[in-house]
Amino acid sequence: MSKRLHVGNLSYQTTRQDLATLFERFGEVLDATVITDRESGRSRGFGFVEMDEAAAEKAMAQLDGSQLNGRAVTVTEARAVSRSTR
């Protein structure tokens, strides 16, 4: 079973490949996404990474507070969002 992680405080220059590279040392990255603004295309400063549950737990423990592109990133378990509350 996989787990989705929220990665916050990203530099605006961080790419999905940067996220994948950072997380793949803990296991296979199933998906990595940097969320961008619909109109400007600029990063919104956060993203998501999906991994195997055991790898995600290790990555969360090791990477929360670590540096990526000059920023201390936050790594937490992503919460499900109800479509009616968006």
N, C-alpha and C. Protein backbone atom coordinates (compact mmCIF):
# COMPACT_ATOMS: atom_id res chain seq x y z
N MET A 1 0.85 -1.18 0.00
CA MET A 1 0.00 0.00 0.00
C MET A 1 0.89 1.24 0.00
N SER A 2 0.48 2.28 -0.69
CA SER A 2 1.30 3.48 -0.78
C SER A 2 0.79 4.56 0.18
N LYS A 3 1.66 5.53 0.41
CA LYS A 3 1.33 6.65 1.27
C LYS A 3 1.72 7.93 0.55
N ARG A 4 0.89 8.94 0.70
CA ARG A 4 1.12 10.24 0.06
C ARG A 4 1.63 11.21 1.12
N LEU A 5 2.74 11.88 0.80
CA LEU A 5 3.36 12.83 1.72
C LEU A 5 3.21 14.25 1.20
N HIS A 6 2.97 15.16 2.11
CA HIS A 6 2.93 16.60 1.79
C HIS A 6 4.32 17.15 2.08
N VAL A 7 4.89 17.87 1.12
CA VAL A 7 6.21 18.47 1.29
C VAL A 7 6.04 19.98 1.18
N GLY A 8 6.28 20.68 2.28
CA GLY A 8 6.06 22.11 2.32
C GLY A 8 7.34 22.91 2.42
N ASN A 9 7.20 24.23 2.29
CA ASN A 9 8.29 25.20 2.36
C ASN A 9 9.31 24.98 1.24
N LEU A 10 8.81 24.62 0.05
CA LEU A 10 9.69 24.41 -1.09
C LEU A 10 10.12 25.74 -1.69
N SER A 11 11.34 25.78 -2.17
CA SER A 11 11.83 26.91 -2.95
C SER A 11 11.00 26.97 -4.24
N TYR A 12 10.78 28.16 -4.75
CA TYR A 12 10.01 28.30 -5.99
C TYR A 12 10.73 27.69 -7.18
N GLN A 13 12.03 27.41 -7.05
CA GLN A 13 12.79 26.78 -8.13
C GLN A 13 12.77 25.25 -8.08
N THR A 14 12.22 24.67 -7.02
CA THR A 14 12.20 23.21 -6.88
C THR A 14 11.30 22.58 -7.94
N THR A 15 11.81 21.52 -8.57
CA THR A 15 11.06 20.81 -9.62
C THR A 15 10.60 19.45 -9.09
N ARG A 16 9.73 18.82 -9.86
CA ARG A 16 9.27 17.47 -9.47
C ARG A 16 10.46 16.51 -9.46
N GLN A 17 11.43 16.70 -10.35
CA GLN A 17 12.62 15.85 -10.38
C GLN A 17 13.45 16.03 -9.11
N ASP A 18 13.55 17.27 -8.61
CA ASP A 18 14.26 17.52 -7.35
C ASP A 18 13.61 16.72 -6.21
N LEU A 19 12.28 16.75 -6.17
CA LEU A 19 11.56 15.99 -5.12
C LEU A 19 11.81 14.50 -5.27
N ALA A 20 11.68 13.99 -6.48
CA ALA A 20 11.88 12.56 -6.72
C ALA A 20 13.29 12.14 -6.32
N THR A 21 14.27 12.92 -6.69
CA THR A 21 15.66 12.60 -6.37
C THR A 21 15.89 12.58 -4.86
N LEU A 22 15.33 13.55 -4.15
CA LEU A 22 15.48 13.62 -2.70
C LEU A 22 14.88 12.39 -2.02
N PHE A 23 13.70 11.98 -2.46
CA PHE A 23 12.98 10.90 -1.78
C PHE A 23 13.37 9.50 -2.23
N GLU A 24 13.94 9.35 -3.43
CA GLU A 24 14.19 8.00 -3.94
C GLU A 24 15.28 7.25 -3.18
N ARG A 25 16.06 7.92 -2.38
CA ARG A 25 17.05 7.17 -1.59
C ARG A 25 16.39 6.34 -0.48
N PHE A 26 15.10 6.57 -0.24
CA PHE A 26 14.36 5.80 0.76
C PHE A 26 13.50 4.71 0.14
N GLY A 27 13.39 4.72 -1.17
CA GLY A 27 12.58 3.71 -1.86
C GLY A 27 12.02 4.29 -3.15
N GLU A 28 11.27 3.46 -3.86
CA GLU A 28 10.72 3.88 -5.15
C GLU A 28 9.69 4.99 -4.98
N VAL A 29 9.86 6.05 -5.76
CA VAL A 29 8.91 7.16 -5.77
C VAL A 29 7.87 6.85 -6.85
N LEU A 30 6.62 6.67 -6.43
CA LEU A 30 5.55 6.36 -7.37
C LEU A 30 5.07 7.61 -8.10
N ASP A 31 5.11 8.75 -7.40
CA ASP A 31 4.71 10.02 -8.01
C ASP A 31 5.32 11.16 -7.22
N ALA A 32 5.69 12.22 -7.91
CA ALA A 32 6.20 13.44 -7.27
C ALA A 32 5.60 14.61 -8.04
N THR A 33 5.03 15.55 -7.31
CA THR A 33 4.36 16.69 -7.93
C THR A 33 4.65 17.96 -7.17
N VAL A 34 4.97 19.03 -7.89
CA VAL A 34 5.08 20.37 -7.29
C VAL A 34 3.82 21.11 -7.73
N ILE A 35 3.08 21.64 -6.79
CA ILE A 35 1.82 22.33 -7.09
C ILE A 35 2.13 23.74 -7.60
N THR A 36 1.52 24.08 -8.73
CA THR A 36 1.75 25.39 -9.33
C THR A 36 0.45 26.18 -9.41
N ASP A 37 0.60 27.50 -9.48
CA ASP A 37 -0.53 28.39 -9.64
C ASP A 37 -1.10 28.22 -11.06
N ARG A 38 -2.41 28.11 -11.18
CA ARG A 38 -3.03 27.87 -12.49
C ARG A 38 -2.78 29.00 -13.47
N GLU A 39 -2.79 30.22 -12.98
CA GLU A 39 -2.67 31.37 -13.89
C GLU A 39 -1.22 31.72 -14.22
N SER A 40 -0.36 31.75 -13.20
CA SER A 40 1.03 32.18 -13.45
C SER A 40 1.97 31.02 -13.78
N GLY A 41 1.60 29.81 -13.36
CA GLY A 41 2.47 28.65 -13.57
C GLY A 41 3.59 28.56 -12.54
N ARG A 42 3.64 29.52 -11.63
CA ARG A 42 4.68 29.56 -10.60
C ARG A 42 4.37 28.57 -9.47
N SER A 43 5.40 27.99 -8.91
CA SER A 43 5.25 27.06 -7.80
C SER A 43 4.51 27.74 -6.64
N ARG A 44 3.67 26.99 -5.97
CA ARG A 44 2.98 27.51 -4.78
C ARG A 44 3.75 27.19 -3.50
N GLY A 45 4.92 26.56 -3.62
CA GLY A 45 5.78 26.32 -2.47
C GLY A 45 5.51 25.01 -1.73
N PHE A 46 4.72 24.14 -2.35
CA PHE A 46 4.52 22.82 -1.74
C PHE A 46 4.27 21.78 -2.83
N GLY A 47 4.36 20.52 -2.43
CA GLY A 47 4.14 19.44 -3.37
C GLY A 47 3.78 18.16 -2.65
N PHE A 48 3.69 17.09 -3.40
CA PHE A 48 3.33 15.78 -2.86
C PHE A 48 4.24 14.72 -3.44
N VAL A 49 4.53 13.71 -2.61
CA VAL A 49 5.32 12.56 -3.04
C VAL A 49 4.56 11.32 -2.60
N GLU A 50 4.42 10.36 -3.50
CA GLU A 50 3.77 9.10 -3.17
C GLU A 50 4.79 7.98 -3.22
N MET A 51 4.82 7.18 -2.15
CA MET A 51 5.77 6.08 -2.01
C MET A 51 5.11 4.91 -1.30
N ASP A 52 5.82 3.77 -1.31
CA ASP A 52 5.43 2.63 -0.49
C ASP A 52 5.36 3.08 0.96
N GLU A 53 4.43 2.54 1.72
CA GLU A 53 4.19 2.98 3.10
C GLU A 53 5.44 2.95 3.98
N ALA A 54 6.21 1.86 3.94
CA ALA A 54 7.41 1.75 4.79
C ALA A 54 8.46 2.78 4.38
N ALA A 55 8.65 2.96 3.07
CA ALA A 55 9.62 3.94 2.59
C ALA A 55 9.18 5.36 2.95
N ALA A 56 7.88 5.61 2.86
CA ALA A 56 7.35 6.94 3.19
C ALA A 56 7.58 7.27 4.66
N GLU A 57 7.39 6.29 5.53
CA GLU A 57 7.62 6.52 6.97
C GLU A 57 9.08 6.88 7.23
N LYS A 58 10.00 6.15 6.59
CA LYS A 58 11.43 6.44 6.76
C LYS A 58 11.76 7.83 6.22
N ALA A 59 11.26 8.14 5.04
CA ALA A 59 11.53 9.44 4.42
C ALA A 59 10.99 10.57 5.28
N MET A 60 9.80 10.40 5.82
CA MET A 60 9.20 11.44 6.66
C MET A 60 10.06 11.68 7.90
N ALA A 61 10.53 10.62 8.52
CA ALA A 61 11.36 10.74 9.73
C ALA A 61 12.70 11.39 9.43
N GLN A 62 13.29 11.06 8.29
CA GLN A 62 14.63 11.55 7.96
C GLN A 62 14.65 12.93 7.30
N LEU A 63 13.62 13.24 6.52
CA LEU A 63 13.67 14.45 5.69
C LEU A 63 12.96 15.67 6.28
N ASP A 64 12.08 15.48 7.26
CA ASP A 64 11.39 16.64 7.84
C ASP A 64 12.44 17.57 8.46
N GLY A 65 12.49 18.81 7.99
CA GLY A 65 13.46 19.77 8.48
C GLY A 65 14.77 19.79 7.71
N SER A 66 14.92 18.89 6.73
CA SER A 66 16.16 18.86 5.95
C SER A 66 16.16 19.97 4.89
N GLN A 67 17.33 20.23 4.34
CA GLN A 67 17.51 21.30 3.35
C GLN A 67 17.29 20.79 1.93
N LEU A 68 16.55 21.55 1.15
CA LEU A 68 16.38 21.30 -0.28
C LEU A 68 16.37 22.65 -0.97
N ASN A 69 17.33 22.88 -1.84
CA ASN A 69 17.44 24.15 -2.56
C ASN A 69 17.42 25.35 -1.62
N GLY A 70 18.15 25.21 -0.49
CA GLY A 70 18.30 26.32 0.43
C GLY A 70 17.15 26.55 1.40
N ARG A 71 16.18 25.64 1.44
CA ARG A 71 15.03 25.80 2.34
C ARG A 71 14.91 24.57 3.23
N ALA A 72 14.49 24.76 4.47
CA ALA A 72 14.20 23.65 5.37
C ALA A 72 12.78 23.18 5.08
N VAL A 73 12.66 22.02 4.47
CA VAL A 73 11.34 21.54 4.06
C VAL A 73 10.61 20.83 5.20
N THR A 74 9.29 20.84 5.13
CA THR A 74 8.47 20.08 6.07
C THR A 74 7.92 18.87 5.32
N VAL A 75 7.94 17.73 5.97
CA VAL A 75 7.42 16.51 5.36
C VAL A 75 6.43 15.88 6.34
N THR A 76 5.17 15.82 5.94
CA THR A 76 4.11 15.25 6.78
C THR A 76 3.23 14.35 5.93
N GLU A 77 2.43 13.54 6.59
CA GLU A 77 1.49 12.71 5.86
C GLU A 77 0.40 13.61 5.28
N ALA A 78 0.11 13.44 4.00
CA ALA A 78 -0.93 14.25 3.35
C ALA A 78 -2.29 13.85 3.89
N ARG A 79 -3.14 14.85 4.07
CA ARG A 79 -4.50 14.60 4.53
C ARG A 79 -5.43 14.53 3.33
N ALA A 80 -6.43 13.70 3.42
CA ALA A 80 -7.44 13.63 2.36
C ALA A 80 -8.29 14.88 2.45
N VAL A 81 -8.61 15.45 1.29
CA VAL A 81 -9.43 16.66 1.26
C VAL A 81 -10.76 16.32 0.62
N SER A 82 -11.82 16.68 1.30
CA SER A 82 -13.14 16.47 0.77
C SER A 82 -13.39 17.46 -0.37
N ARG A 83 -13.90 17.00 -1.46
CA ARG A 83 -14.15 17.89 -2.60
C ARG A 83 -15.18 18.96 -2.26
N SER A 84 -16.06 18.72 -1.32
CA SER A 84 -17.09 19.70 -0.97
C SER A 84 -16.52 20.87 -0.14
N THR A 85 -15.30 20.73 0.40
CA THR A 85 -14.73 21.79 1.23
C THR A 85 -13.71 22.63 0.47
N ARG A 86 -13.48 22.35 -0.78
CA ARG A 86 -12.49 23.11 -1.56
C ARG A 86 -12.99 24.47 -1.93
